[in-house]
Amino acid sequence: GERSLATPLGMAVAADGSLFVAAFGSNKLARYPSGAVDGDEEPDTAAIHIELPGGGPTGVVLDEARHRAYVLTRFDNAVAVVDLDANQQVARYPLHNPE
């Protein structure tokens, strides 16, 4: 469904306890507030799902000082830049492909 995640791979934990999950099969970056991680909230209703058009996200790195997440998207071999304030992808940088 719309709120489900398929094949979660890379994860990162923010300083406030929020959990970010790169969901390979869903083409999403999910953001769970700390309350959903420690059991105070229902995870499905608390999560924010951010669509990643490149597809196949496998890893995530947080840059909290700049309010950004960098997500490796394997289907298009790129790095997606996600604005954590707007909860959306704002840039995409293709990686070199020797083929």
PDB file of N, CA and C in Angstrom:
ATOM      1  N   GLY A   1       0.807  -1.187   0.000  1.00  0.00           N
ATOM      2  CA  GLY A   1       0.000   0.000   0.000  1.00  0.00           C
ATOM      3  C   GLY A   1       0.853   1.254   0.000  1.00  0.00           C
ATOM      4  N   GLU A   2       0.172   2.324   0.070  1.00  0.00           N
ATOM      5  CA  GLU A   2       0.807   3.641   0.028  1.00  0.00           C
ATOM      6  C   GLU A   2       1.728   3.882   1.217  1.00  0.00           C
ATOM      7  N   ARG A   3       1.427   3.300   2.371  1.00  0.00           N
ATOM      8  CA  ARG A   3       2.212   3.524   3.585  1.00  0.00           C
ATOM      9  C   ARG A   3       3.230   2.411   3.858  1.00  0.00           C
ATOM     10  N   SER A   4       3.306   1.426   2.972  1.00  0.00           N
ATOM     11  CA  SER A   4       4.221   0.318   3.215  1.00  0.00           C
ATOM     12  C   SER A   4       5.591   0.596   2.600  1.00  0.00           C
ATOM     13  N   LEU A   5       6.587  -0.141   3.088  1.00  0.00           N
ATOM     14  CA  LEU A   5       7.943  -0.045   2.566  1.00  0.00           C
ATOM     15  C   LEU A   5       8.414  -1.437   2.189  1.00  0.00           C
ATOM     16  N   ALA A   6       8.974  -1.556   1.002  1.00  0.00           N
ATOM     17  CA  ALA A   6       9.499  -2.838   0.554  1.00  0.00           C
ATOM     18  C   ALA A   6      11.021  -2.809   0.546  1.00  0.00           C
ATOM     19  N   THR A   7      11.627  -3.816   1.091  1.00  0.00           N
ATOM     20  CA  THR A   7      13.064  -4.031   1.113  1.00  0.00           C
ATOM     21  C   THR A   7      13.824  -2.846   1.709  1.00  0.00           C
ATOM     22  N   PRO A   8      13.644  -2.588   3.011  1.00  0.00           N
ATOM     23  CA  PRO A   8      14.425  -1.530   3.651  1.00  0.00           C
ATOM     24  C   PRO A   8      15.897  -1.939   3.721  1.00  0.00           C
ATOM     25  N   LEU A   9      16.784  -1.041   3.333  1.00  0.00           N
ATOM     26  CA  LEU A   9      18.216  -1.353   3.329  1.00  0.00           C
ATOM     27  C   LEU A   9      18.985  -0.394   4.229  1.00  0.00           C
ATOM     28  N   GLY A  10      19.387   0.765   3.700  1.00  0.00           N
ATOM     29  CA  GLY A  10      20.202   1.689   4.478  1.00  0.00           C
ATOM     30  C   GLY A  10      19.382   2.458   5.486  1.00  0.00           C
ATOM     31  N   MET A  11      19.999   2.735   6.635  1.00  0.00           N
ATOM     32  CA  MET A  11      19.334   3.501   7.685  1.00  0.00           C
ATOM     33  C   MET A  11      20.301   4.515   8.280  1.00  0.00           C
ATOM     34  N   ALA A  12      19.732   5.599   8.803  1.00  0.00           N
ATOM     35  CA  ALA A  12      20.508   6.614   9.507  1.00  0.00           C
ATOM     36  C   ALA A  12      19.652   7.158  10.640  1.00  0.00           C
ATOM     37  N   VAL A  13      20.290   7.471  11.760  1.00  0.00           N
ATOM     38  CA  VAL A  13      19.590   8.015  12.920  1.00  0.00           C
ATOM     39  C   VAL A  13      20.033   9.456  13.124  1.00  0.00           C
ATOM     40  N   ALA A  14      19.068  10.359  13.219  1.00  0.00           N
ATOM     41  CA  ALA A  14      19.348  11.776  13.436  1.00  0.00           C
ATOM     42  C   ALA A  14      19.611  12.036  14.916  1.00  0.00           C
ATOM     43  N   ALA A  15      20.154  13.194  15.202  1.00  0.00           N
ATOM     44  CA  ALA A  15      20.478  13.571  16.584  1.00  0.00           C
ATOM     45  C   ALA A  15      19.247  13.577  17.481  1.00  0.00           C
ATOM     46  N   ASP A  16      18.067  13.884  16.917  1.00  0.00           N
ATOM     47  CA  ASP A  16      16.838  13.912  17.717  1.00  0.00           C
ATOM     48  C   ASP A  16      16.195  12.539  17.865  1.00  0.00           C
ATOM     49  N   GLY A  17      16.836  11.492  17.312  1.00  0.00           N
ATOM     50  CA  GLY A  17      16.310  10.141  17.420  1.00  0.00           C
ATOM     51  C   GLY A  17      15.446   9.708  16.256  1.00  0.00           C
ATOM     52  N   SER A  18      15.198  10.593  15.301  1.00  0.00           N
ATOM     53  CA  SER A  18      14.435  10.210  14.115  1.00  0.00           C
ATOM     54  C   SER A  18      15.213   9.167  13.325  1.00  0.00           C
ATOM     55  N   LEU A  19      14.487   8.275  12.682  1.00  0.00           N
ATOM     56  CA  LEU A  19      15.094   7.216  11.890  1.00  0.00           C
ATOM     57  C   LEU A  19      14.760   7.424  10.424  1.00  0.00           C
ATOM     58  N   PHE A  20      15.781   7.362   9.561  1.00  0.00           N
ATOM     59  CA  PHE A  20      15.611   7.468   8.118  1.00  0.00           C
ATOM     60  C   PHE A  20      15.922   6.112   7.505  1.00  0.00           C
ATOM     61  N   VAL A  21      15.025   5.628   6.642  1.00  0.00           N
ATOM     62  CA  VAL A  21      15.169   4.305   6.049  1.00  0.00           C
ATOM     63  C   VAL A  21      15.071   4.413   4.534  1.00  0.00           C
ATOM     64  N   ALA A  22      16.097   3.913   3.827  1.00  0.00           N
ATOM     65  CA  ALA A  22      16.067   3.835   2.364  1.00  0.00           C
ATOM     66  C   ALA A  22      15.383   2.527   1.994  1.00  0.00           C
ATOM     67  N   ALA A  23      14.234   2.625   1.328  1.00  0.00           N
ATOM     68  CA  ALA A  23      13.439   1.446   0.977  1.00  0.00           C
ATOM     69  C   ALA A  23      13.615   1.136  -0.508  1.00  0.00           C
ATOM     70  N   PHE A  24      14.478   0.186  -0.796  1.00  0.00           N
ATOM     71  CA  PHE A  24      14.870  -0.183  -2.158  1.00  0.00           C
ATOM     72  C   PHE A  24      13.665  -0.508  -3.040  1.00  0.00           C
ATOM     73  N   GLY A  25      12.784  -1.360  -2.570  1.00  0.00           N
ATOM     74  CA  GLY A  25      11.660  -1.814  -3.393  1.00  0.00           C
ATOM     75  C   GLY A  25      10.528  -0.820  -3.530  1.00  0.00           C
ATOM     76  N   SER A  26      10.501   0.200  -2.687  1.00  0.00           N
ATOM     77  CA  SER A  26       9.420   1.196  -2.726  1.00  0.00           C
ATOM     78  C   SER A  26       9.839   2.512  -3.365  1.00  0.00           C
ATOM     79  N   ASN A  27      11.136   2.660  -3.648  1.00  0.00           N
ATOM     80  CA  ASN A  27      11.659   3.918  -4.209  1.00  0.00           C
ATOM     81  C   ASN A  27      11.353   5.113  -3.310  1.00  0.00           C
ATOM     82  N   LYS A  28      11.551   4.903  -1.997  1.00  0.00           N
ATOM     83  CA  LYS A  28      11.232   5.946  -1.027  1.00  0.00           C
ATOM     84  C   LYS A  28      12.326   6.063   0.029  1.00  0.00           C
ATOM     85  N   LEU A  29      12.384   7.250   0.612  1.00  0.00           N
ATOM     86  CA  LEU A  29      13.106   7.470   1.851  1.00  0.00           C
ATOM     87  C   LEU A  29      12.029   7.705   2.904  1.00  0.00           C
ATOM     88  N   ALA A  30      11.991   6.875   3.932  1.00  0.00           N
ATOM     89  CA  ALA A  30      10.997   7.041   4.995  1.00  0.00           C
ATOM     90  C   ALA A  30      11.658   7.726   6.179  1.00  0.00           C
ATOM     91  N   ARG A  31      10.904   8.628   6.761  1.00  0.00           N
ATOM     92  CA  ARG A  31      11.381   9.374   7.931  1.00  0.00           C
ATOM     93  C   ARG A  31      10.424   9.097   9.084  1.00  0.00           C
ATOM     94  N   TYR A  32      10.945   8.437  10.123  1.00  0.00           N
ATOM     95  CA  TYR A  32      10.144   8.121  11.301  1.00  0.00           C
ATOM     96  C   TYR A  32      10.567   9.032  12.445  1.00  0.00           C
ATOM     97  N   PRO A  33       9.639   9.793  13.025  1.00  0.00           N
ATOM     98  CA  PRO A  33      10.002  10.628  14.175  1.00  0.00           C
ATOM     99  C   PRO A  33      10.411   9.744  15.350  1.00  0.00           C
ATOM    100  N   SER A  34      11.127  10.306  16.296  1.00  0.00           N
ATOM    101  CA  SER A  34      11.646   9.518  17.410  1.00  0.00           C
ATOM    102  C   SER A  34      10.537   8.812  18.181  1.00  0.00           C
ATOM    103  N   GLY A  35       9.359   9.378  18.276  1.00  0.00           N
ATOM    104  CA  GLY A  35       8.242   8.732  18.970  1.00  0.00           C
ATOM    105  C   GLY A  35       7.821   7.438  18.313  1.00  0.00           C
ATOM    106  N   ALA A  36       7.962   7.357  16.992  1.00  0.00           N
ATOM    107  CA  ALA A  36       7.603   6.134  16.276  1.00  0.00           C
ATOM    108  C   ALA A  36       8.672   5.068  16.463  1.00  0.00           C
ATOM    109  N   VAL A  37       9.904   5.504  16.697  1.00  0.00           N
ATOM    110  CA  VAL A  37      11.009   4.566  16.858  1.00  0.00           C
ATOM    111  C   VAL A  37      10.990   3.949  18.257  1.00  0.00           C
ATOM    112  N   ASP A  38      10.668   4.757  19.269  1.00  0.00           N
ATOM    113  CA  ASP A  38      10.705   4.225  20.638  1.00  0.00           C
ATOM    114  C   ASP A  38       9.371   3.643  21.096  1.00  0.00           C
ATOM    115  N   GLY A  39       8.383   3.609  20.211  1.00  0.00           N
ATOM    116  CA  GLY A  39       7.127   2.943  20.528  1.00  0.00           C
ATOM    117  C   GLY A  39       6.020   3.838  21.034  1.00  0.00           C
ATOM    118  N   ASP A  40       6.236   5.157  21.099  1.00  0.00           N
ATOM    119  CA  ASP A  40       5.195   6.063  21.580  1.00  0.00           C
ATOM    120  C   ASP A  40       4.118   6.347  20.534  1.00  0.00           C
ATOM    121  N   GLU A  41       4.428   6.144  19.259  1.00  0.00           N
ATOM    122  CA  GLU A  41       3.484   6.415  18.172  1.00  0.00           C
ATOM    123  C   GLU A  41       3.405   5.197  17.268  1.00  0.00           C
ATOM    124  N   GLU A  42       2.317   5.122  16.509  1.00  0.00           N
ATOM    125  CA  GLU A  42       2.189   4.069  15.506  1.00  0.00           C
ATOM    126  C   GLU A  42       3.108   4.407  14.336  1.00  0.00           C
ATOM    127  N   PRO A  43       4.045   3.527  13.974  1.00  0.00           N
ATOM    128  CA  PRO A  43       4.996   3.828  12.893  1.00  0.00           C
ATOM    129  C   PRO A  43       4.341   4.151  11.552  1.00  0.00           C
ATOM    130  N   ASP A  44       3.288   3.437  11.169  1.00  0.00           N
ATOM    131  CA  ASP A  44       2.684   3.664   9.853  1.00  0.00           C
ATOM    132  C   ASP A  44       2.066   5.047   9.723  1.00  0.00           C
ATOM    133  N   THR A  45       1.468   5.561  10.789  1.00  0.00           N
ATOM    134  CA  THR A  45       0.813   6.861  10.698  1.00  0.00           C
ATOM    135  C   THR A  45       1.788   8.005  10.925  1.00  0.00           C
ATOM    136  N   ALA A  46       2.915   7.724  11.603  1.00  0.00           N
ATOM    137  CA  ALA A  46       3.862   8.780  11.921  1.00  0.00           C
ATOM    138  C   ALA A  46       4.884   9.013  10.818  1.00  0.00           C
ATOM    139  N   ALA A  47       5.094   8.033   9.955  1.00  0.00           N
ATOM    140  CA  ALA A  47       6.166   8.114   8.961  1.00  0.00           C
ATOM    141  C   ALA A  47       5.848   9.116   7.859  1.00  0.00           C
ATOM    142  N   ILE A  48       6.909   9.734   7.386  1.00  0.00           N
ATOM    143  CA  ILE A  48       6.838  10.588   6.199  1.00  0.00           C
ATOM    144  C   ILE A  48       7.544   9.818   5.093  1.00  0.00           C
ATOM    145  N   HIS A  49       6.877   9.618   3.976  1.00  0.00           N
ATOM    146  CA  HIS A  49       7.475   8.899   2.855  1.00  0.00           C
ATOM    147  C   HIS A  49       7.835   9.890   1.764  1.00  0.00           C
ATOM    148  N   ILE A  50       9.102   9.888   1.362  1.00  0.00           N
ATOM    149  CA  ILE A  50       9.611  10.815   0.351  1.00  0.00           C
ATOM    150  C   ILE A  50       9.929  10.007  -0.898  1.00  0.00           C
ATOM    151  N   GLU A  51       9.246  10.301  -1.985  1.00  0.00           N
ATOM    152  CA  GLU A  51       9.439   9.594  -3.252  1.00  0.00           C
ATOM    153  C   GLU A  51      10.798   9.960  -3.852  1.00  0.00           C
ATOM    154  N   LEU A  52      11.489   8.937  -4.376  1.00  0.00           N
ATOM    155  CA  LEU A  52      12.781   9.124  -5.035  1.00  0.00           C
ATOM    156  C   LEU A  52      12.669   8.577  -6.455  1.00  0.00           C
ATOM    157  N   PRO A  53      12.439   9.446  -7.437  1.00  0.00           N
ATOM    158  CA  PRO A  53      12.199   9.007  -8.817  1.00  0.00           C
ATOM    159  C   PRO A  53      13.323   8.166  -9.426  1.00  0.00           C
ATOM    160  N   GLY A  54      14.561   8.317  -8.943  1.00  0.00           N
ATOM    161  CA  GLY A  54      15.675   7.544  -9.502  1.00  0.00           C
ATOM    162  C   GLY A  54      15.540   6.054  -9.265  1.00  0.00           C
ATOM    163  N   GLY A  55      14.919   5.683  -8.176  1.00  0.00           N
ATOM    164  CA  GLY A  55      14.615   4.285  -7.880  1.00  0.00           C
ATOM    165  C   GLY A  55      15.745   3.512  -7.247  1.00  0.00           C
ATOM    166  N   GLY A  56      15.367   2.541  -6.436  1.00  0.00           N
ATOM    167  CA  GLY A  56      16.317   1.626  -5.820  1.00  0.00           C
ATOM    168  C   GLY A  56      17.221   2.241  -4.784  1.00  0.00           C
ATOM    169  N   PRO A  57      16.698   3.041  -3.834  1.00  0.00           N
ATOM    170  CA  PRO A  57      17.574   3.631  -2.821  1.00  0.00           C
ATOM    171  C   PRO A  57      18.169   2.557  -1.917  1.00  0.00           C
ATOM    172  N   THR A  58      19.483   2.643  -1.714  1.00  0.00           N
ATOM    173  CA  THR A  58      20.148   1.631  -0.893  1.00  0.00           C
ATOM    174  C   THR A  58      20.871   2.202   0.315  1.00  0.00           C
ATOM    175  N   GLY A  59      21.210   3.449   0.311  1.00  0.00           N
ATOM    176  CA  GLY A  59      21.950   4.029   1.427  1.00  0.00           C
ATOM    177  C   GLY A  59      21.539   5.461   1.660  1.00  0.00           C
ATOM    178  N   VAL A  60      21.700   5.916   2.891  1.00  0.00           N
ATOM    179  CA  VAL A  60      21.343   7.291   3.237  1.00  0.00           C
ATOM    180  C   VAL A  60      22.372   7.848   4.207  1.00  0.00           C
ATOM    181  N   VAL A  61      22.762   9.111   3.972  1.00  0.00           N
ATOM    182  CA  VAL A  61      23.666   9.842   4.856  1.00  0.00           C
ATOM    183  C   VAL A  61      22.990  11.163   5.191  1.00  0.00           C
ATOM    184  N   LEU A  62      23.010  11.536   6.456  1.00  0.00           N
ATOM    185  CA  LEU A  62      22.388  12.784   6.888  1.00  0.00           C
ATOM    186  C   LEU A  62      23.416  13.892   7.022  1.00  0.00           C
ATOM    187  N   ASP A  63      23.026  15.096   6.609  1.00  0.00           N
ATOM    188  CA  ASP A  63      23.790  16.317   6.846  1.00  0.00           C
ATOM    189  C   ASP A  63      22.824  17.245   7.578  1.00  0.00           C
ATOM    190  N   GLU A  64      22.724  17.048   8.881  1.00  0.00           N
ATOM    191  CA  GLU A  64      21.727  17.778   9.659  1.00  0.00           C
ATOM    192  C   GLU A  64      21.987  19.276   9.714  1.00  0.00           C
ATOM    193  N   ALA A  65      23.239  19.686   9.646  1.00  0.00           N
ATOM    194  CA  ALA A  65      23.562  21.111   9.680  1.00  0.00           C
ATOM    195  C   ALA A  65      22.968  21.837   8.478  1.00  0.00           C
ATOM    196  N   ARG A  66      22.882  21.148   7.352  1.00  0.00           N
ATOM    197  CA  ARG A  66      22.333  21.747   6.121  1.00  0.00           C
ATOM    198  C   ARG A  66      20.911  21.276   5.835  1.00  0.00           C
ATOM    199  N   HIS A  67      20.336  20.476   6.733  1.00  0.00           N
ATOM    200  CA  HIS A  67      18.969  19.953   6.578  1.00  0.00           C
ATOM    201  C   HIS A  67      18.821  19.155   5.284  1.00  0.00           C
ATOM    202  N   ARG A  68      19.797  18.275   5.042  1.00  0.00           N
ATOM    203  CA  ARG A  68      19.815  17.472   3.819  1.00  0.00           C
ATOM    204  C   ARG A  68      20.062  16.013   4.151  1.00  0.00           C
ATOM    205  N   ALA A  69      19.552  15.150   3.272  1.00  0.00           N
ATOM    206  CA  ALA A  69      19.893  13.732   3.274  1.00  0.00           C
ATOM    207  C   ALA A  69      20.389  13.416   1.879  1.00  0.00           C
ATOM    208  N   TYR A  70      21.391  12.575   1.798  1.00  0.00           N
ATOM    209  CA  TYR A  70      21.944  12.144   0.516  1.00  0.00           C
ATOM    210  C   TYR A  70      21.675  10.655   0.389  1.00  0.00           C
ATOM    211  N   VAL A  71      20.987  10.277  -0.687  1.00  0.00           N
ATOM    212  CA  VAL A  71      20.525   8.902  -0.849  1.00  0.00           C
ATOM    213  C   VAL A  71      21.079   8.337  -2.148  1.00  0.00           C
ATOM    214  N   LEU A  72      21.733   7.182  -2.058  1.00  0.00           N
ATOM    215  CA  LEU A  72      22.229   6.503  -3.252  1.00  0.00           C
ATOM    216  C   LEU A  72      21.065   5.768  -3.900  1.00  0.00           C
ATOM    217  N   THR A  73      20.777   6.103  -5.168  1.00  0.00           N
ATOM    218  CA  THR A  73      19.712   5.433  -5.919  1.00  0.00           C
ATOM    219  C   THR A  73      20.364   4.568  -6.997  1.00  0.00           C
ATOM    220  N   ARG A  74      20.184   3.258  -6.867  1.00  0.00           N
ATOM    221  CA  ARG A  74      20.908   2.306  -7.711  1.00  0.00           C
ATOM    222  C   ARG A  74      20.328   2.149  -9.111  1.00  0.00           C
ATOM    223  N   PHE A  75      19.024   2.347  -9.284  1.00  0.00           N
ATOM    224  CA  PHE A  75      18.439   2.131 -10.612  1.00  0.00           C
ATOM    225  C   PHE A  75      18.972   3.128 -11.631  1.00  0.00           C
ATOM    226  N   ASP A  76      19.214   4.368 -11.189  1.00  0.00           N
ATOM    227  CA  ASP A  76      19.782   5.370 -12.103  1.00  0.00           C
ATOM    228  C   ASP A  76      21.236   5.714 -11.759  1.00  0.00           C
ATOM    229  N   ASN A  77      21.824   5.018 -10.779  1.00  0.00           N
ATOM    230  CA  ASN A  77      23.213   5.210 -10.390  1.00  0.00           C
ATOM    231  C   ASN A  77      23.515   6.686 -10.098  1.00  0.00           C
ATOM    232  N   ALA A  78      22.803   7.219  -9.118  1.00  0.00           N
ATOM    233  CA  ALA A  78      22.929   8.639  -8.794  1.00  0.00           C
ATOM    234  C   ALA A  78      22.816   8.837  -7.285  1.00  0.00           C
ATOM    235  N   VAL A  79      23.076  10.072  -6.864  1.00  0.00           N
ATOM    236  CA  VAL A  79      22.851  10.478  -5.489  1.00  0.00           C
ATOM    237  C   VAL A  79      21.722  11.505  -5.502  1.00  0.00           C
ATOM    238  N   ALA A  80      20.661  11.188  -4.774  1.00  0.00           N
ATOM    239  CA  ALA A  80      19.529  12.103  -4.648  1.00  0.00           C
ATOM    240  C   ALA A  80      19.750  12.971  -3.420  1.00  0.00           C
ATOM    241  N   VAL A  81      19.489  14.262  -3.557  1.00  0.00           N
ATOM    242  CA  VAL A  81      19.597  15.195  -2.435  1.00  0.00           C
ATOM    243  C   VAL A  81      18.182  15.510  -1.975  1.00  0.00           C
ATOM    244  N   VAL A  82      17.919  15.252  -0.696  1.00  0.00           N
ATOM    245  CA  VAL A  82      16.591  15.460  -0.131  1.00  0.00           C
ATOM    246  C   VAL A  82      16.634  16.611   0.859  1.00  0.00           C
ATOM    247  N   ASP A  83      15.738  17.575   0.681  1.00  0.00           N
ATOM    248  CA  ASP A  83      15.580  18.686   1.616  1.00  0.00           C
ATOM    249  C   ASP A  83      14.749  18.169   2.784  1.00  0.00           C
ATOM    250  N   LEU A  84      15.327  18.132   3.976  1.00  0.00           N
ATOM    251  CA  LEU A  84      14.637  17.576   5.131  1.00  0.00           C
ATOM    252  C   LEU A  84      13.589  18.515   5.715  1.00  0.00           C
ATOM    253  N   ASP A  85      13.626  19.782   5.348  1.00  0.00           N
ATOM    254  CA  ASP A  85      12.580  20.708   5.778  1.00  0.00           C
ATOM    255  C   ASP A  85      11.344  20.556   4.896  1.00  0.00           C
ATOM    256  N   ALA A  86      11.561  20.402   3.591  1.00  0.00           N
ATOM    257  CA  ALA A  86      10.455  20.274   2.634  1.00  0.00           C
ATOM    258  C   ALA A  86      10.040  18.818   2.409  1.00  0.00           C
ATOM    259  N   ASN A  87      10.853  17.873   2.879  1.00  0.00           N
ATOM    260  CA  ASN A  87      10.582  16.440   2.672  1.00  0.00           C
ATOM    261  C   ASN A  87      10.396  16.098   1.202  1.00  0.00           C
ATOM    262  N   GLN A  88      11.342  16.559   0.386  1.00  0.00           N
ATOM    263  CA  GLN A  88      11.291  16.236  -1.041  1.00  0.00           C
ATOM    264  C   GLN A  88      12.686  16.273  -1.651  1.00  0.00           C
ATOM    265  N   GLN A  89      12.832  15.534  -2.747  1.00  0.00           N
ATOM    266  CA  GLN A  89      14.095  15.541  -3.475  1.00  0.00           C
ATOM    267  C   GLN A  89      14.257  16.888  -4.153  1.00  0.00           C
ATOM    268  N   VAL A  90      15.446  17.495  -4.018  1.00  0.00           N
ATOM    269  CA  VAL A  90      15.688  18.809  -4.609  1.00  0.00           C
ATOM    270  C   VAL A  90      16.789  18.790  -5.663  1.00  0.00           C
ATOM    271  N   ALA A  91      17.558  17.716  -5.719  1.00  0.00           N
ATOM    272  CA  ALA A  91      18.622  17.616  -6.720  1.00  0.00           C
ATOM    273  C   ALA A  91      18.969  16.145  -6.919  1.00  0.00           C
ATOM    274  N   ARG A  92      19.683  15.886  -8.012  1.00  0.00           N
ATOM    275  CA  ARG A  92      20.120  14.532  -8.332  1.00  0.00           C
ATOM    276  C   ARG A  92      21.455  14.646  -9.050  1.00  0.00           C
ATOM    277  N   TYR A  93      22.444  13.861  -8.602  1.00  0.00           N
ATOM    278  CA  TYR A  93      23.769  13.898  -9.201  1.00  0.00           C
ATOM    279  C   TYR A  93      24.147  12.507  -9.699  1.00  0.00           C
ATOM    280  N   PRO A  94      24.209  12.329 -11.035  1.00  0.00           N
ATOM    281  CA  PRO A  94      24.583  11.025 -11.570  1.00  0.00           C
ATOM    282  C   PRO A  94      26.034  10.690 -11.235  1.00  0.00           C
ATOM    283  N   LEU A  95      26.285   9.427 -10.956  1.00  0.00           N
ATOM    284  CA  LEU A  95      27.637   8.951 -10.708  1.00  0.00           C
ATOM    285  C   LEU A  95      28.247   8.486 -12.023  1.00  0.00           C
ATOM    286  N   HIS A  96      29.578   8.478 -12.076  1.00  0.00           N
ATOM    287  CA  HIS A  96      30.279   8.017 -13.269  1.00  0.00           C
ATOM    288  C   HIS A  96      29.960   6.552 -13.535  1.00  0.00           C
ATOM    289  N   ASN A  97      29.733   6.229 -14.787  1.00  0.00           N
ATOM    290  CA  ASN A  97      29.491   4.855 -15.198  1.00  0.00           C
ATOM    291  C   ASN A  97      30.481   4.522 -16.315  1.00  0.00           C
ATOM    292  N   PRO A  98      31.452   3.635 -16.087  1.00  0.00           N
ATOM    293  CA  PRO A  98      32.469   3.338 -17.102  1.00  0.00           C
ATOM    294  C   PRO A  98      31.930   2.570 -18.311  1.00  0.00           C
ATOM    295  N   GLU A  99      30.679   2.108 -18.234  1.00  0.00           N
ATOM    296  CA  GLU A  99      30.112   1.376 -19.374  1.00  0.00           C
ATOM    297  C   GLU A  99      29.770   2.350 -20.460  1.00  0.00           C
TER     298      GLU A  99
END
